[in-house]
C-alpha atoms as a PDB file:
ATOM      1  CA  MET A   1       7.526 -27.769   1.007  1.00  0.00           C
ATOM      2  CA  HIS A   2       5.579 -24.891  -0.536  1.00  0.00           C
ATOM      3  CA  ASN A   3       7.197 -21.695  -1.820  1.00  0.00           C
ATOM      4  CA  CYS A   4       4.954 -19.297   0.103  1.00  0.00           C
ATOM      5  CA  CYS A   5       5.542 -15.762   1.236  1.00  0.00           C
ATOM      6  CA  ARG A   6       2.705 -14.957   3.583  1.00  0.00           C
ATOM      7  CA  GLY A   7       2.547 -11.183   3.818  1.00  0.00           C
ATOM      8  CA  SER A   8       6.303 -10.826   3.383  1.00  0.00           C
ATOM      9  CA  HIS A   9       8.248  -9.434   0.459  1.00  0.00           C
ATOM     10  CA  PRO A  10       9.170 -12.192  -1.985  1.00  0.00           C
ATOM     11  CA  GLU A  11      12.274 -12.371  -4.070  1.00  0.00           C
ATOM     12  CA  ILE A  12      11.254 -11.405  -7.611  1.00  0.00           C
ATOM     13  CA  ARG A  13      11.549 -14.720  -9.492  1.00  0.00           C
ATOM     14  CA  ASP A  14       9.272 -17.400 -10.952  1.00  0.00           C
ATOM     15  CA  TYR A  15       7.719 -19.466  -8.164  1.00  0.00           C
ATOM     16  CA  GLY A  16       6.357 -22.136 -10.510  1.00  0.00           C
ATOM     17  CA  ARG A  17       3.350 -24.277  -9.753  1.00  0.00           C
ATOM     18  CA  GLU A  18       3.477 -24.155  -5.961  1.00  0.00           C
ATOM     19  CA  PRO A  19       0.837 -22.239  -3.969  1.00  0.00           C
ATOM     20  CA  PHE A  20       2.052 -18.682  -3.460  1.00  0.00           C
ATOM     21  CA  VAL A  21       0.676 -15.992  -1.136  1.00  0.00           C
ATOM     22  CA  PHE A  22       2.246 -12.528  -1.371  1.00  0.00           C
ATOM     23  CA  ASN A  23       1.628  -8.775  -1.523  1.00  0.00           C
ATOM     24  CA  ILE A  24       1.012  -8.152  -5.245  1.00  0.00           C
ATOM     25  CA  ASN A  25       1.199  -4.378  -4.897  1.00  0.00           C
ATOM     26  CA  HIS A  26       4.622  -4.528  -3.265  1.00  0.00           C
ATOM     27  CA  ALA A  27       5.998  -7.104  -5.717  1.00  0.00           C
ATOM     28  CA  THR A  28       4.735  -5.135  -8.743  1.00  0.00           C
ATOM     29  CA  ASN A  29       6.218  -1.884  -7.485  1.00  0.00           C
ATOM     30  CA  MET A  30       9.557  -3.517  -6.583  1.00  0.00           C
ATOM     31  CA  ASN A  31      10.017  -5.034 -10.049  1.00  0.00           C
ATOM     32  CA  GLN A  32      12.577  -3.031 -12.049  1.00  0.00           C
ATOM     33  CA  ASN A  33      12.570  -5.203 -15.175  1.00  0.00           C
ATOM     34  CA  PHE A  34      10.471  -4.585 -18.279  1.00  0.00           C
ATOM     35  CA  ARG A  35       8.992  -8.067 -17.683  1.00  0.00           C
ATOM     36  CA  THR A  36       9.509 -10.605 -14.914  1.00  0.00           C
ATOM     37  CA  THR A  37       7.573 -13.844 -14.694  1.00  0.00           C
ATOM     38  CA  LEU A  38       6.538 -14.274 -11.046  1.00  0.00           C
ATOM     39  CA  TRP A  39       4.398 -17.415 -11.264  1.00  0.00           C
ATOM     40  CA  THR A  40       3.932 -19.981 -14.020  1.00  0.00           C
ATOM     41  CA  GLY A  41       1.296 -22.648 -13.562  1.00  0.00           C
ATOM     42  CA  ARG A  42      -0.136 -25.241 -15.893  1.00  0.00           C
ATOM     43  CA  ASP A  43      -2.877 -22.986 -17.324  1.00  0.00           C
ATOM     44  CA  MET A  44      -2.118 -19.460 -16.078  1.00  0.00           C
ATOM     45  CA  GLN A  45       0.867 -17.154 -15.695  1.00  0.00           C
ATOM     46  CA  LEU A  46       1.561 -13.949 -13.736  1.00  0.00           C
ATOM     47  CA  THR A  47       4.103 -11.408 -14.959  1.00  0.00           C
ATOM     48  CA  LEU A  48       5.209  -8.067 -13.537  1.00  0.00           C
ATOM     49  CA  MET A  49       6.113  -5.153 -15.802  1.00  0.00           C
ATOM     50  CA  SER A  50       7.889  -1.829 -15.358  1.00  0.00           C
ATOM     51  CA  ILE A  51       7.410   0.366 -18.422  1.00  0.00           C
ATOM     52  CA  PRO A  52       9.682   3.431 -18.629  1.00  0.00           C
ATOM     53  CA  VAL A  53       8.305   6.947 -19.117  1.00  0.00           C
ATOM     54  CA  GLY A  54       7.171   7.465 -22.720  1.00  0.00           C
ATOM     55  CA  CYS A  55       7.551   3.773 -23.585  1.00  0.00           C
ATOM     56  CA  ASP A  56       4.985   1.083 -24.297  1.00  0.00           C
ATOM     57  CA  ILE A  57       4.536  -2.678 -24.151  1.00  0.00           C
ATOM     58  CA  GLY A  58       4.469  -2.746 -27.943  1.00  0.00           C
ATOM     59  CA  VAL A  59       1.576  -3.487 -30.262  1.00  0.00           C
ATOM     60  CA  GLU A  60       0.775  -7.159 -29.790  1.00  0.00           C
ATOM     61  CA  MET A  61      -1.876  -9.828 -30.099  1.00  0.00           C
ATOM     62  CA  HIS A  62      -2.005 -13.204 -28.389  1.00  0.00           C
ATOM     63  CA  GLN A  63      -3.904 -15.529 -30.717  1.00  0.00           C
ATOM     64  CA  ASP A  64      -4.921 -18.138 -28.120  1.00  0.00           C
ATOM     65  CA  VAL A  65      -4.296 -16.323 -24.833  1.00  0.00           C
ATOM     66  CA  ASP A  66      -6.671 -14.183 -22.770  1.00  0.00           C
ATOM     67  CA  GLN A  67      -4.936 -11.434 -20.793  1.00  0.00           C
ATOM     68  CA  PHE A  68      -5.763  -9.407 -17.680  1.00  0.00           C
ATOM     69  CA  ILE A  69      -3.642  -6.308 -16.979  1.00  0.00           C
ATOM     70  CA  ARG A  70      -3.838  -4.354 -13.707  1.00  0.00           C
ATOM     71  CA  ILE A  71      -2.313  -0.892 -13.357  1.00  0.00           C
ATOM     72  CA  GLU A  72      -0.680  -0.664  -9.932  1.00  0.00           C
ATOM     73  CA  ARG A  73       1.089   2.691 -10.299  1.00  0.00           C
ATOM     74  CA  GLY A  74       1.225   5.368 -12.957  1.00  0.00           C
ATOM     75  CA  HIS A  75      -0.866   6.551 -15.887  1.00  0.00           C
ATOM     76  CA  ALA A  76      -1.343   4.708 -19.161  1.00  0.00           C
ATOM     77  CA  LYS A  77      -3.033   5.182 -22.500  1.00  0.00           C
ATOM     78  CA  VAL A  78      -4.822   2.023 -23.625  1.00  0.00           C
ATOM     79  CA  TYR A  79      -5.191   1.106 -27.296  1.00  0.00           C
ATOM     80  CA  ILE A  80      -7.297  -1.824 -28.546  1.00  0.00           C
ATOM     81  CA  GLY A  81      -8.413  -2.957 -31.993  1.00  0.00           C
ATOM     82  CA  ASP A  82      -9.247  -5.778 -34.367  1.00  0.00           C
ATOM     83  CA  ARG A  83      -6.233  -5.064 -36.608  1.00  0.00           C
ATOM     84  CA  ARG A  84      -2.627  -4.177 -35.859  1.00  0.00           C
ATOM     85  CA  ASN A  85      -2.805  -0.949 -37.875  1.00  0.00           C
ATOM     86  CA  ALA A  86      -6.263   0.103 -36.622  1.00  0.00           C
ATOM     87  CA  LEU A  87      -5.983   0.498 -32.849  1.00  0.00           C
ATOM     88  CA  CYS A  88      -8.347   2.935 -31.121  1.00  0.00           C
ATOM     89  CA  GLU A  89      -7.437   4.816 -27.971  1.00  0.00           C
ATOM     90  CA  VAL A  90      -9.798   3.517 -25.301  1.00  0.00           C
ATOM     91  CA  GLY A  91      -8.704   6.097 -22.736  1.00  0.00           C
ATOM     92  CA  THR A  92      -6.174   7.072 -20.119  1.00  0.00           C
ATOM     93  CA  VAL A  93      -6.190   5.012 -16.942  1.00  0.00           C
ATOM     94  CA  ASN A  94      -4.316   5.065 -13.652  1.00  0.00           C
ATOM     95  CA  GLY A  95      -3.791   2.841 -10.627  1.00  0.00           C
ATOM     96  CA  ASN A  96      -6.797   0.686  -9.715  1.00  0.00           C
ATOM     97  CA  TYR A  97      -7.775   0.113 -13.361  1.00  0.00           C
ATOM     98  CA  ALA A  98      -7.833  -3.278 -15.021  1.00  0.00           C
ATOM     99  CA  ILE A  99      -7.786  -4.099 -18.708  1.00  0.00           C
ATOM    100  CA  ILE A 100      -9.170  -7.390 -20.028  1.00  0.00           C
ATOM    101  CA  ILE A 101      -7.969  -8.410 -23.471  1.00  0.00           C
ATOM    102  CA  PRO A 102      -9.606 -11.412 -25.139  1.00  0.00           C
ATOM    103  CA  ALA A 103      -7.475 -13.758 -27.230  1.00  0.00           C
ATOM    104  CA  GLY A 104      -7.025 -12.482 -30.777  1.00  0.00           C
ATOM    105  CA  THR A 105      -7.332  -8.781 -29.849  1.00  0.00           C
ATOM    106  CA  TRP A 106      -4.598  -6.317 -30.816  1.00  0.00           C
ATOM    107  CA  HIS A 107      -3.537  -3.977 -28.013  1.00  0.00           C
ATOM    108  CA  ASN A 108      -0.893  -1.633 -26.659  1.00  0.00           C
ATOM    109  CA  ILE A 109      -0.354   0.074 -23.302  1.00  0.00           C
ATOM    110  CA  VAL A 110       1.676   3.320 -23.322  1.00  0.00           C
ATOM    111  CA  ASN A 111       3.178   4.940 -20.234  1.00  0.00           C
ATOM    112  CA  ALA A 112       1.572   8.400 -20.225  1.00  0.00           C
ATOM    113  CA  GLY A 113       2.944   9.439 -16.828  1.00  0.00           C
ATOM    114  CA  ASN A 114       6.151  10.906 -15.464  1.00  0.00           C
ATOM    115  CA  ARG A 115       7.477   7.803 -13.674  1.00  0.00           C
ATOM    116  CA  PRO A 116       7.723   4.092 -14.539  1.00  0.00           C
ATOM    117  CA  LEU A 117       4.358   2.452 -15.156  1.00  0.00           C
ATOM    118  CA  LYS A 118       3.946  -0.566 -12.873  1.00  0.00           C
ATOM    119  CA  VAL A 119       1.540  -3.293 -13.989  1.00  0.00           C
ATOM    120  CA  TYR A 120       0.944  -6.967 -13.516  1.00  0.00           C
ATOM    121  CA  SER A 121      -0.523  -9.250 -16.119  1.00  0.00           C
ATOM    122  CA  LEU A 122      -2.274 -12.619 -15.985  1.00  0.00           C
ATOM    123  CA  TYR A 123      -2.163 -14.824 -19.075  1.00  0.00           C
ATOM    124  CA  ALA A 124      -4.392 -17.861 -19.576  1.00  0.00           C
ATOM    125  CA  PRO A 125      -3.019 -20.109 -20.899  1.00  0.00           C
ATOM    126  CA  LEU A 126       0.712 -19.369 -20.586  1.00  0.00           C
ATOM    127  CA  GLN A 127       2.433 -16.799 -22.770  1.00  0.00           C
ATOM    128  CA  HIS A 128       6.113 -16.906 -21.715  1.00  0.00           C
ATOM    129  CA  PRO A 129       8.532 -19.702 -20.811  1.00  0.00           C
ATOM    130  CA  PHE A 130       9.027 -20.444 -17.092  1.00  0.00           C
ATOM    131  CA  GLY A 131      11.416 -17.977 -15.477  1.00  0.00           C
ATOM    132  CA  THR A 132      11.262 -15.346 -18.227  1.00  0.00           C
ATOM    133  CA  VAL A 133      13.020 -12.084 -17.351  1.00  0.00           C
ATOM    134  CA  HIS A 134      13.355  -9.261 -19.864  1.00  0.00           C
ATOM    135  CA  LYS A 135      15.371  -6.413 -18.367  1.00  0.00           C
ATOM    136  CA  THR A 136      14.375  -4.100 -21.232  1.00  0.00           C
ATOM    137  CA  LYS A 137      11.794  -3.955 -24.020  1.00  0.00           C
ATOM    138  CA  LYS A 138      14.619  -4.620 -26.484  1.00  0.00           C
ATOM    139  CA  ASP A 139      15.384  -7.878 -24.623  1.00  0.00           C
ATOM    140  CA  ALA A 140      11.696  -8.835 -24.923  1.00  0.00           C
ATOM    141  CA  GLU A 141      11.698  -8.294 -28.691  1.00  0.00           C
ATOM    142  CA  HIS A 142      14.449 -10.866 -29.329  1.00  0.00           C
END
């Protein structure tokens, strides 16, 4: 049996490698955790993030992982660069913007709004273990 939610509101958890149909906007906005893995396949992974006001995802680089980030709600400042200590502000974006980050690129996303920033992220290949949930950024750093 497939774990599918056709047009309904899924429980926020990792649905693994089964086909999965759901409302991404609703799921992203319902997520209250800093990071929740919603789907982990063999070669791709979907996570949901809720970034508190004034906080960020943290300066990071995924050596062998391409990343796609979609802003669902809020305003964010986007920083990208070739070196950790030399990020350039690309601009301020809001809902309906996407950010594509090639493997090996340093980046950071900062909540520049007045409510939690809601984003989803696709990683290819996988970045986090199946079922990853980080309630806070501090949890994600350990």
